[in-house]
C-alpha cells in the first residue's frame, strides 16, 4: 500500500488552516508566491524536517500577525505576519 502523500498547510492570520499541495512533486516559486498572496518569499527552518515559507515583506505591507505561525517558530521577540506555508524540507527542493 502506498503511503499517503503529505498535505502541506497554509496557516492564516485568522487561525484557520488550508490544505495546499504543489502541482508537481515540488512547489514552484510561482506556487510559493501565490500561497503568500504575491511578493518575495523567505524560508524559516523548523524542527522535525519542516520549513515555513513566509512573505519576506509582510511587515512592510502591514500584514496581520499570525499567532500560530509565531508559536511554531518559537523564538522570543520574533513574530510572523501574513500567511505561512508549512512544508517538508527536502533540501534544495520544497515539497
PDB file of N, CA and C in Angstrom:
ATOM      1  N   UNK A   1       0.843  -1.182   0.000  1.00  0.00           N
ATOM      2  CA  UNK A   1       0.000   0.000   0.000  1.00  0.00           C
ATOM      3  C   UNK A   1       0.887   1.244   0.000  1.00  0.00           C
ATOM      4  N   UNK A   2       0.613   2.188  -0.898  1.00  0.00           N
ATOM      5  CA  UNK A   2       1.401   3.406  -0.984  1.00  0.00           C
ATOM      6  C   UNK A   2       1.103   4.315   0.200  1.00  0.00           C
ATOM      7  N   UNK A   3       2.153   5.013   0.641  1.00  0.00           N
ATOM      8  CA  UNK A   3       1.976   5.970   1.732  1.00  0.00           C
ATOM      9  C   UNK A   3       1.162   7.156   1.224  1.00  0.00           C
ATOM     10  N   UNK A   4       0.329   7.674   2.080  1.00  0.00           N
ATOM     11  CA  UNK A   4      -0.469   8.845   1.724  1.00  0.00           C
ATOM     12  C   UNK A   4       0.468  10.040   1.570  1.00  0.00           C
ATOM     13  N   UNK A   5       0.334  10.819   0.481  1.00  0.00           N
ATOM     14  CA  UNK A   5       1.209  11.979   0.317  1.00  0.00           C
ATOM     15  C   UNK A   5       0.955  13.011   1.412  1.00  0.00           C
ATOM     16  N   UNK A   6       2.010  13.692   1.781  1.00  0.00           N
ATOM     17  CA  UNK A   6       1.910  14.719   2.813  1.00  0.00           C
ATOM     18  C   UNK A   6       1.089  15.886   2.282  1.00  0.00           C
ATOM     19  N   UNK A   7       0.185  16.385   3.082  1.00  0.00           N
ATOM     20  CA  UNK A   7      -0.601  17.564   2.727  1.00  0.00           C
ATOM     21  C   UNK A   7      -0.013  18.749   3.479  1.00  0.00           C
ATOM     22  N   UNK A   8       0.447  19.723   2.729  1.00  0.00           N
ATOM     23  CA  UNK A   8       1.029  20.930   3.310  1.00  0.00           C
ATOM     24  C   UNK A   8      -0.104  21.818   3.817  1.00  0.00           C
ATOM     25  N   UNK A   9       0.216  22.718   4.718  1.00  0.00           N
ATOM     26  CA  UNK A   9      -0.804  23.590   5.309  1.00  0.00           C
ATOM     27  C   UNK A   9      -0.396  25.048   5.175  1.00  0.00           C
ATOM     28  N   UNK A  10      -1.371  25.870   4.827  1.00  0.00           N
ATOM     29  CA  UNK A  10      -1.194  27.313   4.913  1.00  0.00           C
ATOM     30  C   UNK A  10      -1.855  27.745   6.208  1.00  0.00           C
ATOM     31  N   UNK A  11      -1.064  28.341   7.087  1.00  0.00           N
ATOM     32  CA  UNK A  11      -1.583  28.879   8.345  1.00  0.00           C
ATOM     33  C   UNK A  11      -1.930  30.340   8.095  1.00  0.00           C
ATOM     34  N   UNK A  12      -3.180  30.691   8.287  1.00  0.00           N
ATOM     35  CA  UNK A  12      -3.639  32.056   8.028  1.00  0.00           C
ATOM     36  C   UNK A  12      -3.662  32.862   9.332  1.00  0.00           C
ATOM     37  N   UNK A  13      -3.525  34.176   9.235  1.00  0.00           N
ATOM     38  CA  UNK A  13      -3.516  35.007  10.439  1.00  0.00           C
ATOM     39  C   UNK A  13      -4.775  34.888  11.294  1.00  0.00           C
ATOM     40  N   UNK A  14      -5.904  34.515  10.684  1.00  0.00           N
ATOM     41  CA  UNK A  14      -7.144  34.386  11.458  1.00  0.00           C
ATOM     42  C   UNK A  14      -7.233  33.061  12.209  1.00  0.00           C
ATOM     43  N   UNK A  15      -6.173  32.232  12.121  1.00  0.00           N
ATOM     44  CA  UNK A  15      -6.137  30.969  12.849  1.00  0.00           C
ATOM     45  C   UNK A  15      -6.613  29.770  12.052  1.00  0.00           C
ATOM     46  N   UNK A  16      -7.107  29.992  10.839  1.00  0.00           N
ATOM     47  CA  UNK A  16      -7.541  28.867  10.016  1.00  0.00           C
ATOM     48  C   UNK A  16      -6.348  28.230   9.312  1.00  0.00           C
ATOM     49  N   UNK A  17      -6.521  26.959   8.932  1.00  0.00           N
ATOM     50  CA  UNK A  17      -5.502  26.225   8.184  1.00  0.00           C
ATOM     51  C   UNK A  17      -6.134  25.707   6.904  1.00  0.00           C
ATOM     52  N   UNK A  18      -5.411  25.843   5.800  1.00  0.00           N
ATOM     53  CA  UNK A  18      -5.895  25.429   4.495  1.00  0.00           C
ATOM     54  C   UNK A  18      -4.915  24.415   3.916  1.00  0.00           C
ATOM     55  N   UNK A  19      -5.434  23.284   3.409  1.00  0.00           N
ATOM     56  CA  UNK A  19      -4.577  22.303   2.745  1.00  0.00           C
ATOM     57  C   UNK A  19      -4.013  22.901   1.464  1.00  0.00           C
ATOM     58  N   UNK A  20      -2.786  22.529   1.149  1.00  0.00           N
ATOM     59  CA  UNK A  20      -2.121  23.052  -0.034  1.00  0.00           C
ATOM     60  C   UNK A  20      -1.119  22.013  -0.518  1.00  0.00           C
ATOM     61  N   UNK A  21      -1.102  21.747  -1.804  1.00  0.00           N
ATOM     62  CA  UNK A  21      -0.149  20.799  -2.375  1.00  0.00           C
ATOM     63  C   UNK A  21       0.408  21.365  -3.670  1.00  0.00           C
ATOM     64  N   UNK A  22       1.657  21.035  -4.006  1.00  0.00           N
ATOM     65  CA  UNK A  22       2.223  21.504  -5.271  1.00  0.00           C
ATOM     66  C   UNK A  22       1.564  20.799  -6.452  1.00  0.00           C
ATOM     67  N   UNK A  23       1.594  21.425  -7.607  1.00  0.00           N
ATOM     68  CA  UNK A  23       1.040  20.806  -8.814  1.00  0.00           C
ATOM     69  C   UNK A  23       1.861  19.587  -9.215  1.00  0.00           C
ATOM     70  N   UNK A  24       3.170  19.662  -8.997  1.00  0.00           N
ATOM     71  CA  UNK A  24       4.065  18.545  -9.299  1.00  0.00           C
ATOM     72  C   UNK A  24       4.592  17.941  -8.012  1.00  0.00           C
ATOM     73  N   UNK A  25       5.817  17.438  -8.087  1.00  0.00           N
ATOM     74  CA  UNK A  25       6.420  16.836  -6.895  1.00  0.00           C
ATOM     75  C   UNK A  25       6.863  17.897  -5.888  1.00  0.00           C
ATOM     76  N   UNK A  26       7.287  19.055  -6.405  1.00  0.00           N
ATOM     77  CA  UNK A  26       7.777  20.138  -5.557  1.00  0.00           C
ATOM     78  C   UNK A  26       7.034  21.427  -5.883  1.00  0.00           C
ATOM     79  N   UNK A  27       7.039  22.367  -4.937  1.00  0.00           N
ATOM     80  CA  UNK A  27       6.460  23.683  -5.175  1.00  0.00           C
ATOM     81  C   UNK A  27       7.356  24.476  -6.119  1.00  0.00           C
ATOM     82  N   UNK A  28       6.739  25.197  -7.050  1.00  0.00           N
ATOM     83  CA  UNK A  28       7.479  26.144  -7.877  1.00  0.00           C
ATOM     84  C   UNK A  28       7.503  27.482  -7.141  1.00  0.00           C
ATOM     85  N   UNK A  29       8.387  28.369  -7.572  1.00  0.00           N
ATOM     86  CA  UNK A  29       8.439  29.695  -6.967  1.00  0.00           C
ATOM     87  C   UNK A  29       7.099  30.406  -7.137  1.00  0.00           C
ATOM     88  N   UNK A  30       6.483  30.238  -8.278  1.00  0.00           N
ATOM     89  CA  UNK A  30       5.185  30.876  -8.523  1.00  0.00           C
ATOM     90  C   UNK A  30       4.121  30.357  -7.556  1.00  0.00           C
ATOM     91  N   UNK A  31       4.146  29.054  -7.277  1.00  0.00           N
ATOM     92  CA  UNK A  31       3.183  28.483  -6.328  1.00  0.00           C
ATOM     93  C   UNK A  31       3.427  29.014  -4.917  1.00  0.00           C
ATOM     94  N   UNK A  32       4.690  29.149  -4.538  1.00  0.00           N
ATOM     95  CA  UNK A  32       5.011  29.691  -3.211  1.00  0.00           C
ATOM     96  C   UNK A  32       4.551  31.138  -3.105  1.00  0.00           C
ATOM     97  N   UNK A  33       4.810  31.912  -4.140  1.00  0.00           N
ATOM     98  CA  UNK A  33       4.373  33.315  -4.133  1.00  0.00           C
ATOM     99  C   UNK A  33       2.851  33.421  -4.069  1.00  0.00           C
ATOM    100  N   UNK A  34       2.161  32.552  -4.779  1.00  0.00           N
ATOM    101  CA  UNK A  34       0.690  32.565  -4.753  1.00  0.00           C
ATOM    102  C   UNK A  34       0.172  32.248  -3.352  1.00  0.00           C
ATOM    103  N   UNK A  35       0.813  31.312  -2.664  1.00  0.00           N
ATOM    104  CA  UNK A  35       0.397  30.961  -1.297  1.00  0.00           C
ATOM    105  C   UNK A  35       0.592  32.133  -0.342  1.00  0.00           C
ATOM    106  N   UNK A  36       1.549  33.010  -0.654  1.00  0.00           N
ATOM    107  CA  UNK A  36       1.823  34.181   0.177  1.00  0.00           C
ATOM    108  C   UNK A  36       1.099  35.417  -0.347  1.00  0.00           C
ATOM    109  N   UNK A  37       0.220  35.249  -1.317  1.00  0.00           N
ATOM    110  CA  UNK A  37      -0.502  36.360  -1.949  1.00  0.00           C
ATOM    111  C   UNK A  37       0.441  37.306  -2.683  1.00  0.00           C
ATOM    112  N   UNK A  38       1.484  36.748  -3.305  1.00  0.00           N
ATOM    113  CA  UNK A  38       2.416  37.518  -4.118  1.00  0.00           C
ATOM    114  C   UNK A  38       3.620  38.000  -3.337  1.00  0.00           C
ATOM    115  N   UNK A  39       4.605  38.508  -4.067  1.00  0.00           N
ATOM    116  CA  UNK A  39       5.787  39.076  -3.434  1.00  0.00           C
ATOM    117  C   UNK A  39       6.919  38.086  -3.226  1.00  0.00           C
ATOM    118  N   UNK A  40       7.910  38.543  -2.494  1.00  0.00           N
ATOM    119  CA  UNK A  40       9.093  37.746  -2.194  1.00  0.00           C
ATOM    120  C   UNK A  40       8.780  36.745  -1.097  1.00  0.00           C
ATOM    121  N   UNK A  41       9.428  35.585  -1.160  1.00  0.00           N
ATOM    122  CA  UNK A  41       9.223  34.570  -0.128  1.00  0.00           C
ATOM    123  C   UNK A  41      10.519  34.343   0.636  1.00  0.00           C
ATOM    124  N   UNK A  42      10.374  33.959   1.877  1.00  0.00           N
ATOM    125  CA  UNK A  42      11.508  33.673   2.763  1.00  0.00           C
ATOM    126  C   UNK A  42      11.217  32.360   3.466  1.00  0.00           C
ATOM    127  N   UNK A  43      12.255  31.548   3.663  1.00  0.00           N
ATOM    128  CA  UNK A  43      12.037  30.290   4.379  1.00  0.00           C
ATOM    129  C   UNK A  43      12.653  30.343   5.769  1.00  0.00           C
ATOM    130  N   UNK A  44      11.987  29.678   6.695  1.00  0.00           N
ATOM    131  CA  UNK A  44      12.446  29.548   8.081  1.00  0.00           C
ATOM    132  C   UNK A  44      12.506  28.061   8.381  1.00  0.00           C
ATOM    133  N   UNK A  45      13.674  27.571   8.749  1.00  0.00           N
ATOM    134  CA  UNK A  45      13.816  26.153   9.082  1.00  0.00           C
ATOM    135  C   UNK A  45      13.173  25.871  10.429  1.00  0.00           C
ATOM    136  N   UNK A  46      12.353  24.830  10.457  1.00  0.00           N
ATOM    137  CA  UNK A  46      11.700  24.380  11.678  1.00  0.00           C
ATOM    138  C   UNK A  46      12.269  23.024  12.068  1.00  0.00           C
ATOM    139  N   UNK A  47      11.990  22.585  13.258  1.00  0.00           N
ATOM    140  CA  UNK A  47      12.446  21.261  13.687  1.00  0.00           C
ATOM    141  C   UNK A  47      11.613  20.176  13.011  1.00  0.00           C
ATOM    142  N   UNK A  48      12.095  18.959  13.052  1.00  0.00           N
ATOM    143  CA  UNK A  48      11.342  17.823  12.539  1.00  0.00           C
ATOM    144  C   UNK A  48      11.326  17.690  11.030  1.00  0.00           C
ATOM    145  N   UNK A  49      12.229  18.388  10.336  1.00  0.00           N
ATOM    146  CA  UNK A  49      12.288  18.266   8.883  1.00  0.00           C
ATOM    147  C   UNK A  49      11.275  19.105   8.136  1.00  0.00           C
ATOM    148  N   UNK A  50      10.833  20.195   8.752  1.00  0.00           N
ATOM    149  CA  UNK A  50       9.859  21.075   8.118  1.00  0.00           C
ATOM    150  C   UNK A  50      10.468  22.448   7.880  1.00  0.00           C
ATOM    151  N   UNK A  51       9.865  23.174   6.972  1.00  0.00           N
ATOM    152  CA  UNK A  51      10.254  24.545   6.681  1.00  0.00           C
ATOM    153  C   UNK A  51       8.977  25.380   6.596  1.00  0.00           C
ATOM    154  N   UNK A  52       9.078  26.627   7.021  1.00  0.00           N
ATOM    155  CA  UNK A  52       7.960  27.568   6.942  1.00  0.00           C
ATOM    156  C   UNK A  52       8.308  28.610   5.884  1.00  0.00           C
ATOM    157  N   UNK A  53       7.392  28.839   4.968  1.00  0.00           N
ATOM    158  CA  UNK A  53       7.558  29.850   3.934  1.00  0.00           C
ATOM    159  C   UNK A  53       6.667  31.033   4.304  1.00  0.00           C
ATOM    160  N   UNK A  54       7.269  32.229   4.318  1.00  0.00           N
ATOM    161  CA  UNK A  54       6.517  33.434   4.676  1.00  0.00           C
ATOM    162  C   UNK A  54       6.769  34.529   3.636  1.00  0.00           C
ATOM    163  N   UNK A  55       5.980  35.585   3.708  1.00  0.00           N
ATOM    164  CA  UNK A  55       6.155  36.764   2.861  1.00  0.00           C
ATOM    165  C   UNK A  55       7.283  37.598   3.466  1.00  0.00           C
ATOM    166  N   UNK A  56       8.380  37.718   2.729  1.00  0.00           N
ATOM    167  CA  UNK A  56       9.550  38.444   3.230  1.00  0.00           C
ATOM    168  C   UNK A  56       9.235  39.902   3.558  1.00  0.00           C
ATOM    169  N   UNK A  57       8.288  40.481   2.846  1.00  0.00           N
ATOM    170  CA  UNK A  57       7.950  41.890   3.044  1.00  0.00           C
ATOM    171  C   UNK A  57       6.661  42.075   3.838  1.00  0.00           C
ATOM    172  N   UNK A  58       6.245  41.046   4.553  1.00  0.00           N
ATOM    173  CA  UNK A  58       4.979  41.087   5.273  1.00  0.00           C
ATOM    174  C   UNK A  58       4.843  42.243   6.247  1.00  0.00           C
ATOM    175  N   UNK A  59       5.911  42.552   6.957  1.00  0.00           N
ATOM    176  CA  UNK A  59       5.832  43.672   7.919  1.00  0.00           C
ATOM    177  C   UNK A  59       5.735  45.007   7.198  1.00  0.00           C
ATOM    178  N   UNK A  60       6.455  45.145   6.078  1.00  0.00           N
ATOM    179  CA  UNK A  60       6.370  46.383   5.300  1.00  0.00           C
ATOM    180  C   UNK A  60       4.965  46.580   4.734  1.00  0.00           C
ATOM    181  N   UNK A  61       4.302  45.471   4.430  1.00  0.00           N
ATOM    182  CA  UNK A  61       2.933  45.514   3.903  1.00  0.00           C
ATOM    183  C   UNK A  61       1.899  45.641   5.014  1.00  0.00           C
ATOM    184  N   UNK A  62       2.359  45.660   6.252  1.00  0.00           N
ATOM    185  CA  UNK A  62       1.488  45.768   7.424  1.00  0.00           C
ATOM    186  C   UNK A  62       0.467  44.626   7.477  1.00  0.00           C
ATOM    187  N   UNK A  63       0.945  43.401   7.173  1.00  0.00           N
ATOM    188  CA  UNK A  63       0.075  42.226   7.242  1.00  0.00           C
ATOM    189  C   UNK A  63      -0.229  41.890   8.699  1.00  0.00           C
ATOM    190  N   UNK A  64      -1.368  41.265   8.963  1.00  0.00           N
ATOM    191  CA  UNK A  64      -1.734  40.934  10.344  1.00  0.00           C
ATOM    192  C   UNK A  64      -0.831  39.848  10.933  1.00  0.00           C
ATOM    193  N   UNK A  65      -0.653  39.926  12.227  1.00  0.00           N
ATOM    194  CA  UNK A  65       0.160  38.946  12.951  1.00  0.00           C
ATOM    195  C   UNK A  65      -0.470  37.556  12.847  1.00  0.00           C
ATOM    196  N   UNK A  66       0.395  36.553  12.689  1.00  0.00           N
ATOM    197  CA  UNK A  66      -0.031  35.162  12.597  1.00  0.00           C
ATOM    198  C   UNK A  66       0.447  34.455  13.870  1.00  0.00           C
ATOM    199  N   UNK A  67      -0.430  34.352  14.856  1.00  0.00           N
ATOM    200  CA  UNK A  67      -0.044  33.812  16.159  1.00  0.00           C
ATOM    201  C   UNK A  67       0.356  32.343  16.112  1.00  0.00           C
ATOM    202  N   UNK A  68      -0.330  31.527  15.323  1.00  0.00           N
ATOM    203  CA  UNK A  68       0.011  30.108  15.241  1.00  0.00           C
ATOM    204  C   UNK A  68       1.394  29.920  14.623  1.00  0.00           C
ATOM    205  N   UNK A  69       1.672  30.621  13.537  1.00  0.00           N
ATOM    206  CA  UNK A  69       2.991  30.534  12.901  1.00  0.00           C
ATOM    207  C   UNK A  69       4.074  31.058  13.840  1.00  0.00           C
ATOM    208  N   UNK A  70       3.783  32.128  14.554  1.00  0.00           N
ATOM    209  CA  UNK A  70       4.738  32.682  15.517  1.00  0.00           C
ATOM    210  C   UNK A  70       5.062  31.660  16.594  1.00  0.00           C
ATOM    211  N   UNK A  71       4.045  30.966  17.078  1.00  0.00           N
ATOM    212  CA  UNK A  71       4.242  29.941  18.107  1.00  0.00           C
ATOM    213  C   UNK A  71       5.105  28.790  17.584  1.00  0.00           C
ATOM    214  N   UNK A  72       4.907  28.396  16.330  1.00  0.00           N
ATOM    215  CA  UNK A  72       5.703  27.318  15.746  1.00  0.00           C
ATOM    216  C   UNK A  72       7.178  27.693  15.627  1.00  0.00           C
ATOM    217  N   UNK A  73       7.462  28.941  15.304  1.00  0.00           N
ATOM    218  CA  UNK A  73       8.855  29.392  15.210  1.00  0.00           C
ATOM    219  C   UNK A  73       9.498  29.357  16.587  1.00  0.00           C
ATOM    220  N   UNK A  74       8.788  29.811  17.598  1.00  0.00           N
ATOM    221  CA  UNK A  74       9.230  29.676  18.980  1.00  0.00           C
ATOM    222  C   UNK A  74      10.477  30.440  19.367  1.00  0.00           C
ATOM    223  N   UNK A  75      10.723  31.579  18.739  1.00  0.00           N
ATOM    224  CA  UNK A  75      11.882  32.401  19.085  1.00  0.00           C
ATOM    225  C   UNK A  75      11.370  33.670  19.760  1.00  0.00           C
ATOM    226  N   UNK A  76      11.754  33.902  21.016  1.00  0.00           N
ATOM    227  CA  UNK A  76      11.279  35.097  21.715  1.00  0.00           C
ATOM    228  C   UNK A  76      11.589  36.376  20.927  1.00  0.00           C
ATOM    229  N   UNK A  77      10.610  37.242  20.832  1.00  0.00           N
ATOM    230  CA  UNK A  77      10.783  38.515  20.149  1.00  0.00           C
ATOM    231  C   UNK A  77      10.575  38.461  18.646  1.00  0.00           C
ATOM    232  N   UNK A  78      10.435  37.262  18.085  1.00  0.00           N
ATOM    233  CA  UNK A  78      10.209  37.109  16.646  1.00  0.00           C
ATOM    234  C   UNK A  78       8.738  36.790  16.421  1.00  0.00           C
ATOM    235  N   UNK A  79       8.108  37.521  15.522  1.00  0.00           N
ATOM    236  CA  UNK A  79       6.719  37.208  15.204  1.00  0.00           C
ATOM    237  C   UNK A  79       6.536  37.171  13.689  1.00  0.00           C
ATOM    238  N   UNK A  80       5.593  36.345  13.265  1.00  0.00           N
ATOM    239  CA  UNK A  80       5.299  36.126  11.853  1.00  0.00           C
ATOM    240  C   UNK A  80       4.018  36.871  11.500  1.00  0.00           C
ATOM    241  N   UNK A  81       3.993  37.446  10.298  1.00  0.00           N
ATOM    242  CA  UNK A  81       2.791  38.128   9.812  1.00  0.00           C
ATOM    243  C   UNK A  81       2.358  37.498   8.489  1.00  0.00           C
ATOM    244  N   UNK A  82       1.077  37.604   8.197  1.00  0.00           N
ATOM    245  CA  UNK A  82       0.551  37.083   6.940  1.00  0.00           C
ATOM    246  C   UNK A  82       0.457  35.568   6.926  1.00  0.00           C
ATOM    247  N   UNK A  83       0.257  35.020   5.742  1.00  0.00           N
ATOM    248  CA  UNK A  83       0.168  33.570   5.574  1.00  0.00           C
ATOM    249  C   UNK A  83       1.520  32.918   5.824  1.00  0.00           C
ATOM    250  N   UNK A  84       1.492  31.679   6.292  1.00  0.00           N
ATOM    251  CA  UNK A  84       2.706  30.885   6.483  1.00  0.00           C
ATOM    252  C   UNK A  84       2.431  29.485   5.949  1.00  0.00           C
ATOM    253  N   UNK A  85       3.259  29.035   5.025  1.00  0.00           N
ATOM    254  CA  UNK A  85       3.108  27.712   4.426  1.00  0.00           C
ATOM    255  C   UNK A  85       4.074  26.754   5.108  1.00  0.00           C
ATOM    256  N   UNK A  86       3.553  25.658   5.650  1.00  0.00           N
ATOM    257  CA  UNK A  86       4.377  24.637   6.302  1.00  0.00           C
ATOM    258  C   UNK A  86       4.578  23.500   5.308  1.00  0.00           C
ATOM    259  N   UNK A  87       5.849  23.193   5.015  1.00  0.00           N
ATOM    260  CA  UNK A  87       6.209  22.177   4.017  1.00  0.00           C
ATOM    261  C   UNK A  87       7.257  21.238   4.585  1.00  0.00           C
ATOM    262  N   UNK A  88       7.397  20.105   3.923  1.00  0.00           N
ATOM    263  CA  UNK A  88       8.523  19.223   4.200  1.00  0.00           C
ATOM    264  C   UNK A  88       9.781  19.858   3.627  1.00  0.00           C
ATOM    265  N   UNK A  89      10.873  19.787   4.367  1.00  0.00           N
ATOM    266  CA  UNK A  89      12.156  20.300   3.896  1.00  0.00           C
ATOM    267  C   UNK A  89      12.867  19.168   3.170  1.00  0.00           C
ATOM    268  N   UNK A  90      13.003  19.314   1.866  1.00  0.00           N
ATOM    269  CA  UNK A  90      13.657  18.279   1.059  1.00  0.00           C
ATOM    270  C   UNK A  90      14.958  18.809   0.467  1.00  0.00           C
ATOM    271  N   UNK A  91      15.705  19.557   1.261  1.00  0.00           N
ATOM    272  CA  UNK A  91      16.984  20.086   0.798  1.00  0.00           C
ATOM    273  C   UNK A  91      16.800  21.245  -0.158  1.00  0.00           C
ATOM    274  N   UNK A  92      17.266  21.069  -1.384  1.00  0.00           N
ATOM    275  CA  UNK A  92      17.186  22.135  -2.383  1.00  0.00           C
ATOM    276  C   UNK A  92      15.767  22.365  -2.888  1.00  0.00           C
ATOM    277  N   UNK A  93      14.905  21.390  -2.703  1.00  0.00           N
ATOM    278  CA  UNK A  93      13.525  21.490  -3.169  1.00  0.00           C
ATOM    279  C   UNK A  93      12.592  21.633  -1.971  1.00  0.00           C
ATOM    280  N   UNK A  94      11.431  22.199  -2.200  1.00  0.00           N
ATOM    281  CA  UNK A  94      10.427  22.335  -1.147  1.00  0.00           C
ATOM    282  C   UNK A  94       9.201  21.565  -1.588  1.00  0.00           C
ATOM    283  N   UNK A  95       8.815  20.618  -0.794  1.00  0.00           N
ATOM    284  CA  UNK A  95       7.647  19.858  -1.189  1.00  0.00           C
ATOM    285  C   UNK A  95       7.413  18.752  -0.257  1.00  0.00           C
TER     286      UNK A  95
END
